[in-house]
Amino acid sequence: MHPGTLYNETHQTRSNEPTAHESLLGDSIERAYAQGIHDLEALVNYLNQAGPPAPNGEPWTGETFKKEMARLGA
């Protein structure tokens, strides 16, 4: 890329702002990482304690977390 060339990061090309749930989820994931939680099982346990709940209102599982990350990354 040439100096002075403008470009967008993928997250900058969203069609709308994150929902309240997406913002809460992102904040919770960041807090988990800051505490040294990096594996899926520990992250899911953290989310089940700290929130927010999974999109279906049920507790998080590894599968629901992966599905939500895939949906958000699409």
N, C-alpha and C. Protein backbone atom coordinates (compact mmCIF):
# COMPACT_ATOMS: atom_id res chain seq x y z
N MET A 1 0.85 -1.17 0.00
CA MET A 1 0.00 0.00 0.00
C MET A 1 0.89 1.23 0.00
N HIS A 2 0.51 2.21 -0.77
CA HIS A 2 1.29 3.44 -0.87
C HIS A 2 0.99 4.36 0.31
N PRO A 3 2.00 5.08 0.77
CA PRO A 3 1.75 6.04 1.86
C PRO A 3 0.64 7.01 1.46
N GLY A 4 -0.21 7.32 2.40
CA GLY A 4 -1.31 8.25 2.14
C GLY A 4 -2.54 7.60 1.54
N THR A 5 -2.45 6.31 1.18
CA THR A 5 -3.60 5.60 0.63
C THR A 5 -4.54 5.25 1.77
N LEU A 6 -5.80 5.56 1.61
CA LEU A 6 -6.80 5.25 2.64
C LEU A 6 -7.37 3.86 2.39
N TYR A 7 -7.65 3.17 3.45
CA TYR A 7 -8.30 1.87 3.36
C TYR A 7 -9.10 1.64 4.62
N ASN A 8 -10.01 0.71 4.57
CA ASN A 8 -10.82 0.36 5.72
C ASN A 8 -10.41 -1.00 6.25
N GLU A 9 -10.35 -1.10 7.56
CA GLU A 9 -10.23 -2.40 8.20
C GLU A 9 -11.58 -3.08 8.05
N THR A 10 -11.61 -4.41 8.09
CA THR A 10 -12.87 -5.13 7.92
C THR A 10 -13.93 -4.63 8.88
N HIS A 11 -13.55 -4.43 10.17
CA HIS A 11 -14.56 -4.01 11.15
C HIS A 11 -15.06 -2.59 10.90
N GLN A 12 -14.38 -1.82 10.07
CA GLN A 12 -14.82 -0.46 9.78
C GLN A 12 -15.86 -0.41 8.67
N THR A 13 -16.12 -1.51 8.02
CA THR A 13 -17.05 -1.51 6.89
C THR A 13 -18.40 -2.09 7.27
N ARG A 14 -18.71 -2.07 8.56
CA ARG A 14 -20.02 -2.56 9.01
C ARG A 14 -21.13 -1.72 8.40
N SER A 15 -22.26 -2.34 8.18
CA SER A 15 -23.40 -1.60 7.65
C SER A 15 -24.17 -0.88 8.75
N ASN A 16 -23.93 -1.27 10.02
CA ASN A 16 -24.60 -0.60 11.14
C ASN A 16 -23.75 -0.76 12.40
N GLU A 17 -24.12 -0.04 13.43
CA GLU A 17 -23.42 -0.10 14.70
C GLU A 17 -23.68 -1.43 15.38
N PRO A 18 -22.74 -1.88 16.22
CA PRO A 18 -22.99 -3.12 16.98
C PRO A 18 -24.23 -2.96 17.87
N THR A 19 -24.94 -4.05 18.06
CA THR A 19 -26.08 -4.03 18.97
C THR A 19 -25.57 -3.94 20.40
N ALA A 20 -26.45 -3.67 21.33
CA ALA A 20 -26.08 -3.64 22.75
C ALA A 20 -25.51 -4.99 23.17
N HIS A 21 -26.14 -6.07 22.71
CA HIS A 21 -25.67 -7.42 23.07
C HIS A 21 -24.27 -7.66 22.51
N GLU A 22 -24.02 -7.25 21.28
CA GLU A 22 -22.69 -7.43 20.68
C GLU A 22 -21.64 -6.63 21.44
N SER A 23 -21.98 -5.43 21.85
CA SER A 23 -21.04 -4.62 22.62
C SER A 23 -20.74 -5.24 23.97
N LEU A 24 -21.77 -5.73 24.65
CA LEU A 24 -21.57 -6.39 25.94
C LEU A 24 -20.73 -7.64 25.79
N LEU A 25 -20.99 -8.40 24.74
CA LEU A 25 -20.21 -9.61 24.49
C LEU A 25 -18.75 -9.27 24.24
N GLY A 26 -18.49 -8.28 23.41
CA GLY A 26 -17.12 -7.86 23.13
C GLY A 26 -16.40 -7.41 24.39
N ASP A 27 -17.09 -6.62 25.21
CA ASP A 27 -16.49 -6.15 26.46
C ASP A 27 -16.16 -7.32 27.38
N SER A 28 -17.06 -8.29 27.47
CA SER A 28 -16.86 -9.44 28.34
C SER A 28 -15.69 -10.30 27.84
N ILE A 29 -15.59 -10.48 26.54
CA ILE A 29 -14.47 -11.25 25.98
C ILE A 29 -13.16 -10.54 26.26
N GLU A 30 -13.13 -9.22 26.11
CA GLU A 30 -11.92 -8.46 26.40
C GLU A 30 -11.51 -8.60 27.87
N ARG A 31 -12.48 -8.56 28.79
CA ARG A 31 -12.16 -8.74 30.21
C ARG A 31 -11.61 -10.13 30.47
N ALA A 32 -12.18 -11.14 29.81
CA ALA A 32 -11.69 -12.50 29.98
C ALA A 32 -10.25 -12.62 29.50
N TYR A 33 -9.96 -12.08 28.34
CA TYR A 33 -8.59 -12.12 27.81
C TYR A 33 -7.63 -11.40 28.74
N ALA A 34 -8.06 -10.27 29.30
CA ALA A 34 -7.21 -9.51 30.21
C ALA A 34 -6.88 -10.31 31.47
N GLN A 35 -7.76 -11.25 31.82
CA GLN A 35 -7.53 -12.11 32.99
C GLN A 35 -6.73 -13.36 32.62
N GLY A 36 -6.29 -13.45 31.37
CA GLY A 36 -5.49 -14.59 30.94
C GLY A 36 -6.30 -15.78 30.46
N ILE A 37 -7.58 -15.58 30.24
CA ILE A 37 -8.44 -16.66 29.75
C ILE A 37 -8.34 -16.68 28.23
N HIS A 38 -7.85 -17.79 27.69
CA HIS A 38 -7.65 -17.86 26.24
C HIS A 38 -8.21 -19.12 25.60
N ASP A 39 -8.58 -20.12 26.40
CA ASP A 39 -9.11 -21.34 25.77
C ASP A 39 -10.63 -21.31 25.80
N LEU A 40 -11.24 -22.02 24.86
CA LEU A 40 -12.68 -21.95 24.65
C LEU A 40 -13.47 -22.35 25.88
N GLU A 41 -13.12 -23.45 26.51
CA GLU A 41 -13.88 -23.92 27.67
C GLU A 41 -13.87 -22.88 28.80
N ALA A 42 -12.71 -22.32 29.10
CA ALA A 42 -12.62 -21.31 30.15
C ALA A 42 -13.37 -20.04 29.75
N LEU A 43 -13.32 -19.67 28.48
CA LEU A 43 -14.02 -18.48 28.01
C LEU A 43 -15.53 -18.67 28.13
N VAL A 44 -16.02 -19.82 27.74
CA VAL A 44 -17.46 -20.11 27.85
C VAL A 44 -17.88 -20.08 29.32
N ASN A 45 -17.07 -20.65 30.20
CA ASN A 45 -17.39 -20.61 31.63
C ASN A 45 -17.43 -19.18 32.13
N TYR A 46 -16.48 -18.36 31.69
CA TYR A 46 -16.45 -16.95 32.08
C TYR A 46 -17.72 -16.24 31.61
N LEU A 47 -18.08 -16.44 30.35
CA LEU A 47 -19.28 -15.79 29.81
C LEU A 47 -20.53 -16.22 30.58
N ASN A 48 -20.58 -17.47 30.98
CA ASN A 48 -21.74 -17.94 31.73
C ASN A 48 -21.81 -17.31 33.12
N GLN A 49 -20.67 -16.91 33.66
CA GLN A 49 -20.67 -16.24 34.97
C GLN A 49 -20.86 -14.74 34.83
N ALA A 50 -20.18 -14.12 33.86
CA ALA A 50 -20.15 -12.67 33.73
C ALA A 50 -21.19 -12.12 32.78
N GLY A 51 -21.67 -12.95 31.84
CA GLY A 51 -22.63 -12.49 30.86
C GLY A 51 -21.95 -11.83 29.68
N PRO A 52 -22.69 -11.48 28.71
CA PRO A 52 -24.13 -11.63 28.57
C PRO A 52 -24.50 -13.08 28.21
N PRO A 53 -25.78 -13.42 28.30
CA PRO A 53 -26.18 -14.78 27.92
C PRO A 53 -26.02 -14.98 26.41
N ALA A 54 -26.02 -16.22 26.01
CA ALA A 54 -25.97 -16.55 24.58
C ALA A 54 -27.20 -15.96 23.89
N PRO A 55 -27.13 -15.76 22.56
CA PRO A 55 -28.25 -15.15 21.84
C PRO A 55 -29.59 -15.87 22.03
N ASN A 56 -29.56 -17.17 22.27
CA ASN A 56 -30.80 -17.92 22.46
C ASN A 56 -31.31 -17.82 23.90
N GLY A 57 -30.59 -17.04 24.75
CA GLY A 57 -31.00 -16.88 26.14
C GLY A 57 -30.53 -18.00 27.05
N GLU A 58 -29.96 -19.02 26.48
CA GLU A 58 -29.45 -20.16 27.24
C GLU A 58 -28.00 -19.91 27.64
N PRO A 59 -27.45 -20.76 28.52
CA PRO A 59 -26.02 -20.64 28.84
C PRO A 59 -25.18 -20.89 27.58
N TRP A 60 -24.00 -20.27 27.56
CA TRP A 60 -23.07 -20.48 26.46
C TRP A 60 -22.54 -21.90 26.47
N THR A 61 -22.32 -22.43 25.27
CA THR A 61 -21.58 -23.67 25.08
C THR A 61 -20.49 -23.36 24.05
N GLY A 62 -19.55 -24.26 23.88
CA GLY A 62 -18.55 -24.07 22.84
C GLY A 62 -19.19 -23.89 21.48
N GLU A 63 -20.22 -24.65 21.21
CA GLU A 63 -20.90 -24.58 19.91
C GLU A 63 -21.63 -23.26 19.72
N THR A 64 -22.36 -22.79 20.74
CA THR A 64 -23.08 -21.53 20.57
C THR A 64 -22.09 -20.38 20.42
N PHE A 65 -20.95 -20.45 21.11
CA PHE A 65 -19.94 -19.39 20.98
C PHE A 65 -19.37 -19.39 19.56
N LYS A 66 -19.02 -20.56 19.05
CA LYS A 66 -18.46 -20.63 17.69
C LYS A 66 -19.46 -20.14 16.65
N LYS A 67 -20.72 -20.53 16.81
CA LYS A 67 -21.75 -20.08 15.86
C LYS A 67 -21.92 -18.57 15.90
N GLU A 68 -21.90 -18.00 17.11
CA GLU A 68 -22.07 -16.55 17.22
C GLU A 68 -20.86 -15.82 16.63
N MET A 69 -19.67 -16.32 16.86
CA MET A 69 -18.48 -15.68 16.28
C MET A 69 -18.50 -15.76 14.75
N ALA A 70 -18.98 -16.89 14.21
CA ALA A 70 -19.09 -17.03 12.76
C ALA A 70 -20.12 -16.04 12.21
N ARG A 71 -21.25 -15.90 12.92
CA ARG A 71 -22.28 -14.98 12.47
C ARG A 71 -21.78 -13.54 12.51
N LEU A 72 -21.10 -13.18 13.57
CA LEU A 72 -20.60 -11.81 13.70
C LEU A 72 -19.48 -11.51 12.71
N GLY A 73 -18.74 -12.53 12.33
CA GLY A 73 -17.64 -12.35 11.41
C GLY A 73 -18.03 -12.40 9.95
N ALA A 74 -19.29 -12.76 9.70
CA ALA A 74 -19.75 -12.89 8.31
C ALA A 74 -19.87 -11.56 7.62
